[in-house]
């Protein structure tokens, strides 16, 4: 859920403000492909990069996150991840990503955190119901 819908805030922002959606897609796609690549290849690469990065952070956060109050903890984790991704990693390795508007990207990170936390909490409660117990911390 988090990976699929985390781009909604920035996409809506760009649509509402009339900003072109291609530059963010291109910046992410060019993390793994040269800028001379076909637009369709860049689009596919961007989707794969987004999915891979999201899955990586999901595995990290899901491993360390307490189930109790998971949405709040996941949102806090996603804010920290936004700083790491956008202010530490991107400027050094992916300047085109660092050049994108900061706050729409932060909103995407926070949406990812909320969706991840809600999904983890829901999943833990569903497992506990199947076992007939309350979820562990």
Protein backbone atom coordinates (compact mmCIF):
# COMPACT_ATOMS: atom_id res chain seq x y z
CA UNK A 1 0.00 0.00 0.00
CA UNK A 2 2.70 2.44 1.03
CA UNK A 3 4.74 1.96 -2.14
CA UNK A 4 1.74 2.17 -4.45
CA UNK A 5 0.16 5.31 -3.03
CA UNK A 6 3.04 7.30 -1.53
CA UNK A 7 3.41 9.43 -4.63
CA UNK A 8 -0.15 10.75 -4.44
CA UNK A 9 0.64 13.96 -2.48
CA UNK A 10 3.28 15.26 -4.90
CA UNK A 11 1.29 14.15 -7.94
CA UNK A 12 -1.78 16.03 -6.72
CA UNK A 13 0.40 19.05 -5.88
CA UNK A 14 1.86 19.08 -9.40
CA UNK A 15 -1.53 18.63 -11.04
CA UNK A 16 -3.18 21.36 -8.94
CA UNK A 17 -0.31 23.82 -9.48
CA UNK A 18 0.08 22.94 -13.15
CA UNK A 19 3.68 21.81 -12.73
CA UNK A 20 4.96 19.28 -15.28
CA UNK A 21 5.03 15.73 -13.88
CA UNK A 22 7.87 14.58 -16.14
CA UNK A 23 10.90 16.16 -14.34
CA UNK A 24 10.44 14.13 -11.13
CA UNK A 25 9.89 10.94 -13.13
CA UNK A 26 12.94 11.70 -15.24
CA UNK A 27 15.10 12.51 -12.20
CA UNK A 28 14.24 9.19 -10.55
CA UNK A 29 14.62 7.20 -13.77
CA UNK A 30 18.00 8.79 -14.41
CA UNK A 31 19.22 7.41 -11.10
CA UNK A 32 19.88 4.20 -13.06
CA UNK A 33 19.70 5.19 -16.75
CA UNK A 34 21.46 7.86 -18.81
CA UNK A 35 19.44 10.94 -19.73
CA UNK A 36 19.68 9.92 -23.41
CA UNK A 37 17.41 6.90 -22.74
CA UNK A 38 13.97 6.69 -24.29
CA UNK A 39 11.20 8.27 -22.18
CA UNK A 40 9.42 4.92 -21.85
CA UNK A 41 12.61 3.35 -20.48
CA UNK A 42 13.06 6.23 -18.04
CA UNK A 43 9.45 5.85 -16.87
CA UNK A 44 9.89 2.11 -16.26
CA UNK A 45 13.22 2.71 -14.51
CA UNK A 46 11.61 5.35 -12.29
CA UNK A 47 8.87 2.92 -11.26
CA UNK A 48 11.44 0.21 -10.51
CA UNK A 49 13.67 2.59 -8.53
CA UNK A 50 10.72 3.93 -6.54
CA UNK A 51 9.55 0.41 -5.78
CA UNK A 52 13.01 -0.80 -4.82
CA UNK A 53 13.73 2.14 -2.51
CA UNK A 54 10.29 1.80 -0.92
CA UNK A 55 10.72 -1.92 -0.34
CA UNK A 56 14.19 -1.34 1.15
CA UNK A 57 12.90 1.25 3.64
CA UNK A 58 9.81 -0.89 4.34
CA UNK A 59 12.01 -3.82 5.33
CA UNK A 60 14.17 -1.60 7.55
CA UNK A 61 11.26 0.15 9.27
CA UNK A 62 9.06 -2.94 9.62
CA UNK A 63 11.93 -4.76 11.33
CA UNK A 64 12.48 -2.13 14.01
CA UNK A 65 9.05 -0.54 14.40
CA UNK A 66 6.94 -1.41 17.44
CA UNK A 67 3.49 -2.62 16.43
CA UNK A 68 1.76 -0.56 19.08
CA UNK A 69 1.19 2.93 17.67
CA UNK A 70 2.79 1.85 14.38
CA UNK A 71 1.34 4.73 12.31
CA UNK A 72 2.85 7.39 14.59
CA UNK A 73 6.23 5.68 14.70
CA UNK A 74 6.19 5.07 10.94
CA UNK A 75 5.42 8.73 10.23
CA UNK A 76 8.32 9.77 12.47
CA UNK A 77 10.57 7.25 10.73
CA UNK A 78 9.47 8.51 7.32
CA UNK A 79 10.36 12.10 8.29
CA UNK A 80 13.85 10.93 9.24
CA UNK A 81 14.09 8.93 6.01
CA UNK A 82 13.05 12.02 4.04
CA UNK A 83 15.99 13.93 5.51
CA UNK A 84 18.37 11.05 4.80
CA UNK A 85 17.07 10.54 1.25
CA UNK A 86 16.67 14.18 0.24
CA UNK A 87 19.34 16.06 2.19
CA UNK A 88 22.10 13.48 2.60
CA UNK A 89 22.00 10.90 -0.22
CA UNK A 90 20.40 12.79 -3.12
CA UNK A 91 22.70 15.85 -3.13
CA UNK A 92 25.78 13.62 -3.29
CA UNK A 93 24.64 10.86 -5.63
CA UNK A 94 21.47 12.08 -7.37
CA UNK A 95 21.59 15.86 -7.86
CA UNK A 96 18.56 15.84 -10.19
CA UNK A 97 16.46 14.38 -7.37
CA UNK A 98 17.92 16.89 -4.89
CA UNK A 99 16.97 19.71 -7.28
CA UNK A 100 13.27 18.76 -7.17
CA UNK A 101 10.85 20.62 -4.92
CA UNK A 102 11.59 19.52 -1.35
CA UNK A 103 8.16 19.72 0.33
CA UNK A 104 6.20 17.62 -2.18
CA UNK A 105 8.83 14.90 -1.74
CA UNK A 106 8.54 15.20 2.05
CA UNK A 107 4.76 14.87 1.74
CA UNK A 108 5.28 11.67 -0.27
CA UNK A 109 7.60 10.31 2.43
CA UNK A 110 5.07 11.12 5.16
CA UNK A 111 2.25 9.50 3.16
CA UNK A 112 4.45 6.43 2.78
CA UNK A 113 5.04 6.37 6.55
CA UNK A 114 1.35 6.72 7.37
CA UNK A 115 0.35 3.99 4.91
CA UNK A 116 3.13 1.69 6.11
CA UNK A 117 2.22 2.19 9.76
CA UNK A 118 -1.48 1.61 9.16
CA UNK A 119 -0.72 -1.50 7.10
CA UNK A 120 1.65 -2.91 9.72
CA UNK A 121 -0.81 -2.25 12.53
CA UNK A 122 -3.72 -3.74 10.59
CA UNK A 123 -1.63 -6.79 9.67
CA UNK A 124 -0.54 -7.35 13.28
CA UNK A 125 -4.13 -7.09 14.50
CA UNK A 126 -5.31 -9.52 11.83
CA UNK A 127 -2.62 -12.04 12.81
CA UNK A 128 -3.54 -11.64 16.49
CA UNK A 129 -7.22 -12.21 15.73
CA UNK A 130 -6.36 -15.40 13.89
CA UNK A 131 -4.35 -16.57 16.89
CA UNK A 132 -6.95 -15.32 19.36
CA UNK A 133 -4.55 -12.93 21.13
CA UNK A 134 -3.64 -9.26 21.27
CA UNK A 135 -0.73 -8.11 19.08
CA UNK A 136 2.67 -8.07 20.70
CA UNK A 137 4.70 -4.90 21.01
